[in-house]
Amino acid sequence: MGHPAPAAERESVTDKIVARIEGRTGRISLNRPKALHALDLDMVRGMTEALRNWQHDQAVKLILIDHHEGRGFCAGGDVVTIAKSAEGHGAAGQAFFFQEYRMNHLMYTYPKRGVVFMDGIVMGGGVGISCPCKYRIATERTLFAMPETSIGLFPDVGGGRYLSRLRGRIAQFLGLTGARLDGAECVALGLATHYIPSDRLEDVKRQLIEVPEHVEMILRKASVEPPPARIVQNYAIIDRCFASDRLEDIIAALEADGSDWAQKELKTLRTKSPTACKVSLRLLVESPMQFHFLDEMRLEYGIVVRMFRHPDFAEGVRALLIDKDNAPRWNPATPESVTDAMIDRIFEPLPEGQAWTPLGADA
């Protein structure tokens, strides 16, 4: 356990991730550039295996997560495959979410410090593998979002916990609209811990691999003051317009505001799945009451099992990612048509034999 493994055992390479020990650092690089490193079940299993192998290895002092070439760090989960699964019996989709949430929980409870390089697109599942890390590096290329309501889902992979801890009503704004944040905004909101120019990253990674014990000093020396965060000037209007936990009230507040900003966000909100928006708002009420991250994962898994079989998911993926006509036909089509009873059913706990469990629970 405490000795480096032979070279042949130290590197795990698939088509889609590269996991290896470099120096005293365990490094996982996402390697699916044509899909913006979107996660599929093989990638989730590969990452989970690597993290479990390094968990008690005394030679590994730090975990480093980044990506190979391309614009993305990670654009989310491979929802096209999952949507196609949902059209049949849904087993592939259910397996993906079950294992992804196990990986998210493993990362959240991991005993070793992690550094993630959020350089490029960080959305959905990419947020799920970024936010558990102690050190989260943003750059001038960072583009962070939880855009799930566009495809009939909700900010999952722990999004309920991460968003609900943000100041004011930022969580409701981000969760409903899928608004995109740049690197400076991520730092301002605490979603990133450091802002480092992208041209410094390779040198930073080299230093972390050489002396992982000095991670805080290395990151501090490489960091620069980020540009002004644009979202800061909108804190007051966000808090005012997104003050309610009722979707209809938020829409009414945006309509009444009349500013260009409010009208832009209203137009955006009207394109989202009403069911997904109401589920997201309920989640942001429920998540702060989940004492452990395990409880959060169990809650979110129960919701996602129902949501990915809801007609809005397949329709959202069709409109946004397959046909790309950006004209989803939501069902129900209006917020008023989505009743509290519908949302209550989505939030009912799964039967014990179907509920989510963490790694090791079925050993």
Protein backbone atom coordinates (compact mmCIF):
# COMPACT_ATOMS: atom_id res chain seq x y z
CA MET A 1 0.00 0.00 0.00
CA GLY A 2 2.75 2.43 0.91
CA HIS A 3 5.06 1.64 -2.00
CA PRO A 4 4.74 2.82 -5.63
CA ALA A 5 3.29 0.18 -7.92
CA PRO A 6 5.24 -1.05 -10.94
CA ALA A 7 4.85 1.17 -13.99
CA ALA A 8 2.57 -1.30 -15.77
CA GLU A 9 0.14 -1.16 -12.84
CA ARG A 10 0.31 2.57 -12.34
CA GLU A 11 -1.36 3.77 -15.51
CA SER A 12 -4.91 3.02 -16.58
CA VAL A 13 -5.73 4.19 -20.09
CA THR A 14 -9.10 3.84 -21.79
CA ASP A 15 -10.36 5.61 -24.87
CA LYS A 16 -11.95 8.23 -22.65
CA ILE A 17 -9.88 8.76 -19.48
CA VAL A 18 -6.26 8.45 -18.49
CA ALA A 19 -5.63 7.65 -14.82
CA ARG A 20 -2.06 7.35 -13.61
CA ILE A 21 0.28 8.13 -10.74
CA GLU A 22 2.80 10.86 -11.51
CA GLY A 23 5.30 11.43 -8.74
CA ARG A 24 3.22 11.47 -5.57
CA THR A 25 0.08 12.66 -7.33
CA GLY A 26 -2.82 10.60 -8.66
CA ARG A 27 -3.88 12.22 -11.92
CA ILE A 28 -7.10 11.69 -13.86
CA SER A 29 -7.40 13.33 -17.28
CA LEU A 30 -10.69 13.25 -19.19
CA ASN A 31 -10.03 12.27 -22.79
CA ARG A 32 -13.14 12.54 -24.92
CA PRO A 33 -12.57 15.86 -26.71
CA LYS A 34 -15.11 15.43 -29.53
CA ALA A 35 -17.84 15.16 -26.90
CA LEU A 36 -16.36 17.97 -24.75
CA HIS A 37 -15.34 15.20 -22.32
CA ALA A 38 -18.97 14.39 -21.47
CA LEU A 39 -19.12 11.53 -18.98
CA ASP A 40 -20.42 8.10 -19.90
CA LEU A 41 -20.64 4.97 -17.77
CA ASP A 42 -17.19 3.71 -18.78
CA MET A 43 -15.60 7.01 -17.72
CA VAL A 44 -17.46 7.02 -14.41
CA ARG A 45 -16.35 3.46 -13.68
CA GLY A 46 -12.75 4.23 -14.68
CA MET A 47 -12.58 7.30 -12.45
CA THR A 48 -14.17 5.45 -9.56
CA GLU A 49 -11.72 2.55 -9.87
CA ALA A 50 -8.72 4.89 -9.91
CA LEU A 51 -9.92 6.86 -6.89
CA ARG A 52 -10.60 3.70 -4.93
CA ASN A 53 -7.15 2.33 -5.79
CA TRP A 54 -5.49 5.52 -4.54
CA GLN A 55 -7.69 6.05 -1.50
CA HIS A 56 -5.46 4.17 0.92
CA ASP A 57 -2.20 4.30 -1.07
CA GLN A 58 0.22 6.22 1.15
CA ALA A 59 2.36 7.07 -1.89
CA VAL A 60 -0.43 9.24 -3.31
CA LYS A 61 -0.56 12.61 -1.56
CA LEU A 62 -2.82 14.60 -3.89
CA ILE A 63 -5.46 14.02 -6.58
CA LEU A 64 -5.25 16.12 -9.75
CA ILE A 65 -8.17 16.20 -12.20
CA ASP A 66 -7.92 17.85 -15.62
CA HIS A 67 -8.65 17.17 -19.28
CA HIS A 68 -6.66 16.55 -22.42
CA GLU A 69 -7.14 18.65 -25.55
CA GLY A 70 -10.30 20.54 -26.45
CA ARG A 71 -12.53 23.35 -25.23
CA GLY A 72 -14.25 21.46 -22.49
CA PHE A 73 -13.22 20.41 -19.07
CA CYS A 74 -16.47 18.43 -18.96
CA ALA A 75 -19.76 19.31 -20.63
CA GLY A 76 -21.82 17.01 -18.41
CA GLY A 77 -23.22 13.52 -18.74
CA ASP A 78 -23.79 11.74 -22.03
CA VAL A 79 -27.49 12.57 -22.01
CA VAL A 80 -28.17 11.54 -25.62
CA THR A 81 -27.34 7.92 -24.76
CA ILE A 82 -29.37 8.16 -21.56
CA ALA A 83 -32.37 9.67 -23.38
CA LYS A 84 -32.31 6.85 -25.91
CA SER A 85 -32.20 4.40 -23.03
CA ALA A 86 -35.23 6.06 -21.45
CA GLU A 87 -37.24 5.43 -24.61
CA GLY A 88 -36.80 1.71 -23.96
CA HIS A 89 -36.67 0.22 -20.51
CA GLY A 90 -34.29 2.82 -19.11
CA ALA A 91 -31.82 0.40 -17.55
CA ALA A 92 -28.74 2.08 -19.06
CA GLY A 93 -29.81 5.50 -17.82
CA GLN A 94 -30.56 4.23 -14.35
CA ALA A 95 -27.19 2.46 -14.17
CA PHE A 96 -25.38 5.62 -15.27
CA PHE A 97 -26.97 7.84 -12.62
CA PHE A 98 -26.54 5.20 -9.89
CA GLN A 99 -22.80 4.85 -10.59
CA GLU A 100 -22.25 8.56 -11.25
CA TYR A 101 -23.77 9.45 -7.89
CA ARG A 102 -21.57 6.81 -6.22
CA MET A 103 -18.54 8.50 -7.77
CA ASN A 104 -19.81 11.94 -6.67
CA HIS A 105 -20.24 10.68 -3.10
CA LEU A 106 -16.79 9.04 -3.14
CA MET A 107 -15.25 12.33 -4.23
CA TYR A 108 -17.17 14.37 -1.64
CA THR A 109 -16.05 12.09 1.20
CA TYR A 110 -12.55 11.39 -0.16
CA PRO A 111 -9.79 11.53 2.48
CA LYS A 112 -7.18 13.17 0.22
CA ARG A 113 -7.09 16.69 -1.13
CA GLY A 114 -8.09 17.22 -4.73
CA VAL A 115 -7.21 19.90 -7.30
CA VAL A 116 -9.46 20.31 -10.33
CA PHE A 117 -8.64 22.48 -13.33
CA MET A 118 -11.95 23.98 -14.48
CA ASP A 119 -10.40 25.25 -17.70
CA GLY A 120 -13.11 25.51 -20.35
CA ILE A 121 -16.70 24.28 -20.23
CA VAL A 122 -17.84 22.98 -16.83
CA MET A 123 -21.48 21.91 -16.93
CA GLY A 124 -23.74 19.37 -15.24
CA GLY A 125 -21.68 16.26 -14.56
CA GLY A 126 -18.55 18.42 -14.84
CA VAL A 127 -19.79 20.40 -11.85
CA GLY A 128 -20.29 17.11 -10.02
CA ILE A 129 -16.59 16.22 -10.32
CA SER A 130 -15.37 19.78 -9.67
CA CYS A 131 -17.22 20.97 -6.60
CA PRO A 132 -16.08 18.13 -4.29
CA CYS A 133 -12.43 19.13 -4.80
CA LYS A 134 -10.80 21.29 -2.14
CA TYR A 135 -8.99 23.41 -4.74
CA ARG A 136 -10.98 24.50 -7.80
CA ILE A 137 -9.02 26.41 -10.44
CA ALA A 138 -10.84 28.80 -12.75
CA THR A 139 -9.26 30.49 -15.77
CA GLU A 140 -10.22 33.10 -18.35
CA ARG A 141 -11.68 30.20 -20.37
CA THR A 142 -13.96 28.83 -17.64
CA LEU A 143 -17.64 28.57 -18.55
CA PHE A 144 -19.67 27.16 -15.65
CA ALA A 145 -23.38 26.28 -15.78
CA MET A 146 -26.08 23.93 -14.56
CA PRO A 147 -28.35 24.01 -17.64
CA GLU A 148 -30.44 20.90 -16.87
CA THR A 149 -33.86 22.58 -17.03
CA SER A 150 -33.26 22.95 -20.79
CA ILE A 151 -33.52 19.16 -21.13
CA GLY A 152 -36.18 18.44 -18.55
CA LEU A 153 -33.82 17.64 -15.68
CA PHE A 154 -32.61 19.54 -12.59
CA PRO A 155 -29.22 20.55 -11.14
CA ASP A 156 -28.18 17.15 -9.81
CA VAL A 157 -24.79 15.46 -9.03
CA GLY A 158 -24.93 17.32 -5.71
CA GLY A 159 -26.08 20.55 -7.35
CA GLY A 160 -28.81 20.95 -4.77
CA ARG A 161 -26.19 21.18 -2.03
CA TYR A 162 -23.63 23.25 -3.93
CA LEU A 163 -26.11 25.81 -5.30
CA SER A 164 -28.19 26.15 -2.15
CA ARG A 165 -25.09 27.27 -0.24
CA LEU A 166 -24.53 30.29 -2.49
CA ARG A 167 -25.42 33.79 -1.31
CA GLY A 168 -28.92 35.23 -1.67
CA ARG A 169 -31.09 33.75 -4.42
CA ILE A 170 -28.25 32.95 -6.80
CA ALA A 171 -29.12 29.24 -6.57
CA GLN A 172 -32.63 29.78 -7.86
CA PHE A 173 -31.38 32.03 -10.65
CA LEU A 174 -28.67 29.60 -11.80
CA GLY A 175 -30.79 26.48 -11.36
CA LEU A 176 -33.78 27.79 -13.32
CA THR A 177 -32.12 29.75 -16.12
CA GLY A 178 -28.91 27.74 -16.59
CA ALA A 179 -27.03 31.05 -16.66
CA ARG A 180 -23.36 30.74 -17.60
CA LEU A 181 -20.66 32.03 -15.29
CA ASP A 182 -17.14 32.97 -16.26
CA GLY A 183 -14.07 32.28 -14.16
CA ALA A 184 -14.18 35.57 -12.28
CA GLU A 185 -17.82 34.99 -11.37
CA CYS A 186 -17.00 31.49 -10.13
CA VAL A 187 -14.38 32.95 -7.80
CA ALA A 188 -16.73 35.67 -6.58
CA LEU A 189 -19.40 33.10 -5.71
CA GLY A 190 -16.96 30.64 -4.11
CA LEU A 191 -17.48 28.00 -6.79
CA ALA A 192 -13.78 28.34 -7.61
CA THR A 193 -10.99 28.87 -5.09
CA HIS A 194 -8.27 30.26 -7.39
CA TYR A 195 -8.03 32.20 -10.66
CA ILE A 196 -4.98 31.23 -12.70
CA PRO A 197 -4.31 32.27 -16.33
CA SER A 198 -4.49 29.26 -18.65
CA ASP A 199 -0.95 29.76 -19.91
CA ARG A 200 0.35 29.00 -16.41
CA LEU A 201 -1.50 25.72 -15.91
CA GLU A 202 1.06 23.30 -17.28
CA ASP A 203 3.75 24.74 -15.01
CA VAL A 204 1.39 24.61 -12.03
CA LYS A 205 0.58 20.95 -12.74
CA ARG A 206 4.27 20.13 -13.03
CA GLN A 207 4.94 21.71 -9.62
CA LEU A 208 2.00 19.91 -8.01
CA ILE A 209 3.29 16.59 -9.31
CA GLU A 210 6.80 17.32 -8.01
CA VAL A 211 5.84 18.64 -4.55
CA PRO A 212 2.14 17.93 -3.85
CA GLU A 213 2.67 18.76 -0.17
CA HIS A 214 3.10 22.43 -1.19
CA VAL A 215 -0.22 22.62 -3.05
CA GLU A 216 -1.49 25.75 -1.27
CA MET A 217 1.72 27.72 -1.80
CA ILE A 218 1.94 26.67 -5.47
CA LEU A 219 -1.63 27.71 -6.22
CA ARG A 220 -1.33 30.96 -4.29
CA LYS A 221 1.83 32.00 -6.16
CA ALA A 222 0.30 31.20 -9.55
CA SER A 223 -3.00 32.97 -8.87
CA VAL A 224 -3.86 36.45 -10.08
CA GLU A 225 -6.64 38.87 -9.20
CA PRO A 226 -9.60 37.98 -11.42
CA PRO A 227 -11.38 40.62 -13.51
CA PRO A 228 -14.48 42.23 -11.97
CA ALA A 229 -17.29 39.67 -11.66
CA ARG A 230 -20.23 40.82 -13.77
CA ILE A 231 -22.83 38.99 -11.69
CA VAL A 232 -22.08 41.08 -8.60
CA GLN A 233 -23.92 44.08 -10.04
CA ASN A 234 -27.01 41.88 -10.50
CA TYR A 235 -27.17 40.50 -6.96
CA ALA A 236 -29.99 42.87 -5.92
CA ILE A 237 -32.22 42.25 -8.93
CA ILE A 238 -31.64 38.48 -8.72
CA ASP A 239 -32.58 38.46 -5.04
CA ARG A 240 -35.71 40.48 -5.79
CA CYS A 241 -36.96 38.70 -8.90
CA PHE A 242 -36.10 35.17 -7.76
CA ALA A 243 -37.22 35.66 -4.15
CA SER A 244 -40.09 33.16 -4.27
CA ASP A 245 -39.99 29.38 -4.26
CA ARG A 246 -43.01 29.38 -6.62
CA LEU A 247 -42.21 29.46 -10.33
CA GLU A 248 -45.33 31.49 -11.11
CA ASP A 249 -44.24 34.19 -8.64
CA ILE A 250 -40.77 34.40 -10.19
CA ILE A 251 -42.24 34.78 -13.67
CA ALA A 252 -44.62 37.49 -12.38
CA ALA A 253 -41.73 39.34 -10.70
CA LEU A 254 -39.69 39.31 -13.92
CA GLU A 255 -42.72 40.52 -15.89
CA ALA A 256 -43.32 43.34 -13.43
CA ASP A 257 -39.68 44.45 -13.30
CA GLY A 258 -39.57 45.66 -16.88
CA SER A 259 -35.76 46.05 -17.08
CA ASP A 260 -33.83 44.70 -20.05
CA TRP A 261 -32.16 42.19 -17.74
CA ALA A 262 -35.49 40.93 -16.40
CA GLN A 263 -36.97 40.63 -19.87
CA LYS A 264 -33.95 38.68 -21.09
CA GLU A 265 -34.15 36.25 -18.16
CA LEU A 266 -37.92 35.94 -18.58
CA LYS A 267 -37.47 34.98 -22.21
CA THR A 268 -34.88 32.39 -21.18
CA LEU A 269 -37.08 31.00 -18.42
CA ARG A 270 -40.00 30.52 -20.79
CA THR A 271 -37.89 28.08 -22.86
CA LYS A 272 -37.31 25.72 -19.90
CA SER A 273 -39.33 22.70 -18.87
CA PRO A 274 -41.97 23.90 -16.35
CA THR A 275 -41.83 20.55 -14.56
CA ALA A 276 -38.03 20.66 -14.34
CA CYS A 277 -38.15 24.23 -13.04
CA LYS A 278 -40.60 23.34 -10.28
CA VAL A 279 -38.55 20.27 -9.36
CA SER A 280 -35.42 22.46 -9.19
CA LEU A 281 -37.09 24.97 -6.89
CA ARG A 282 -38.33 22.21 -4.59
CA LEU A 283 -34.86 20.64 -4.53
CA LEU A 284 -33.33 23.94 -3.40
CA VAL A 285 -35.78 23.95 -0.48
CA GLU A 286 -35.13 20.31 0.43
CA SER A 287 -31.34 20.14 -0.03
CA PRO A 288 -30.35 22.34 2.94
CA MET A 289 -32.29 19.90 5.16
CA GLN A 290 -30.18 16.91 4.04
CA PHE A 291 -27.68 16.49 6.85
CA HIS A 292 -25.16 14.29 5.02
CA PHE A 293 -24.11 14.28 1.38
CA LEU A 294 -25.27 10.66 1.34
CA ASP A 295 -28.79 11.94 2.08
CA GLU A 296 -28.46 14.45 -0.76
CA MET A 297 -27.44 11.73 -3.21
CA ARG A 298 -30.30 9.48 -2.12
CA LEU A 299 -32.76 12.36 -2.56
CA GLU A 300 -31.42 13.36 -5.98
CA TYR A 301 -31.32 9.78 -7.24
CA GLY A 302 -34.96 9.26 -6.36
CA ILE A 303 -35.82 12.40 -8.30
CA VAL A 304 -33.66 11.63 -11.34
CA VAL A 305 -35.02 8.09 -11.71
CA ARG A 306 -38.43 9.64 -12.24
CA MET A 307 -37.29 12.65 -14.23
CA PHE A 308 -35.26 10.84 -16.87
CA ARG A 309 -38.33 8.75 -17.64
CA HIS A 310 -40.54 11.86 -17.81
CA PRO A 311 -41.43 12.82 -21.41
CA ASP A 312 -39.75 16.22 -20.98
CA PHE A 313 -36.30 14.64 -20.79
CA ALA A 314 -36.44 12.82 -24.12
CA GLU A 315 -38.11 15.87 -25.69
CA GLY A 316 -35.53 18.29 -24.30
CA VAL A 317 -32.60 16.19 -25.52
CA ARG A 318 -34.29 15.85 -28.93
CA ALA A 319 -34.83 19.60 -29.29
CA LEU A 320 -31.47 20.72 -27.94
CA LEU A 321 -29.01 17.99 -28.92
CA ILE A 322 -30.47 15.68 -31.58
CA ASP A 323 -32.72 17.62 -33.96
CA LYS A 324 -31.36 20.93 -32.60
CA ASP A 325 -34.54 22.81 -33.53
CA ASN A 326 -34.61 24.44 -30.05
CA ALA A 327 -38.40 24.06 -30.04
CA PRO A 328 -39.23 21.62 -27.25
CA ARG A 329 -42.87 20.73 -26.67
CA TRP A 330 -43.07 20.40 -22.91
CA ASN A 331 -45.75 18.31 -21.25
CA PRO A 332 -47.29 19.90 -19.21
CA ALA A 333 -46.65 23.03 -21.25
CA THR A 334 -47.24 25.75 -18.63
CA PRO A 335 -46.21 26.30 -15.00
CA GLU A 336 -49.87 26.44 -13.97
CA SER A 337 -50.41 22.94 -15.37
CA VAL A 338 -47.71 21.45 -13.15
CA THR A 339 -49.44 20.78 -9.85
CA ASP A 340 -47.95 20.40 -6.39
CA ALA A 341 -49.21 16.82 -6.38
CA MET A 342 -47.14 16.06 -9.51
CA ILE A 343 -44.01 17.39 -7.82
CA ASP A 344 -44.81 15.55 -4.59
CA ARG A 345 -44.85 12.25 -6.49
CA ILE A 346 -41.45 12.98 -8.04
CA PHE A 347 -40.01 13.58 -4.56
CA GLU A 348 -41.42 10.43 -2.95
CA PRO A 349 -38.62 8.15 -1.66
CA LEU A 350 -37.93 5.11 -3.79
CA PRO A 351 -38.79 1.68 -2.39
CA GLU A 352 -35.95 0.39 -0.22
CA GLY A 353 -34.69 -2.13 -2.76
CA GLN A 354 -34.48 0.54 -5.48
CA ALA A 355 -32.97 3.39 -3.47
CA TRP A 356 -29.47 4.71 -4.08
CA THR A 357 -26.65 3.37 -1.91
CA PRO A 358 -22.99 4.44 -1.62
CA LEU A 359 -19.98 2.35 -2.59
CA GLY A 360 -19.47 -0.58 -0.26
CA ALA A 361 -23.12 -0.78 0.79
CA ASP A 362 -23.64 -3.86 -1.38
CA ALA A 363 -20.35 -5.55 -0.55
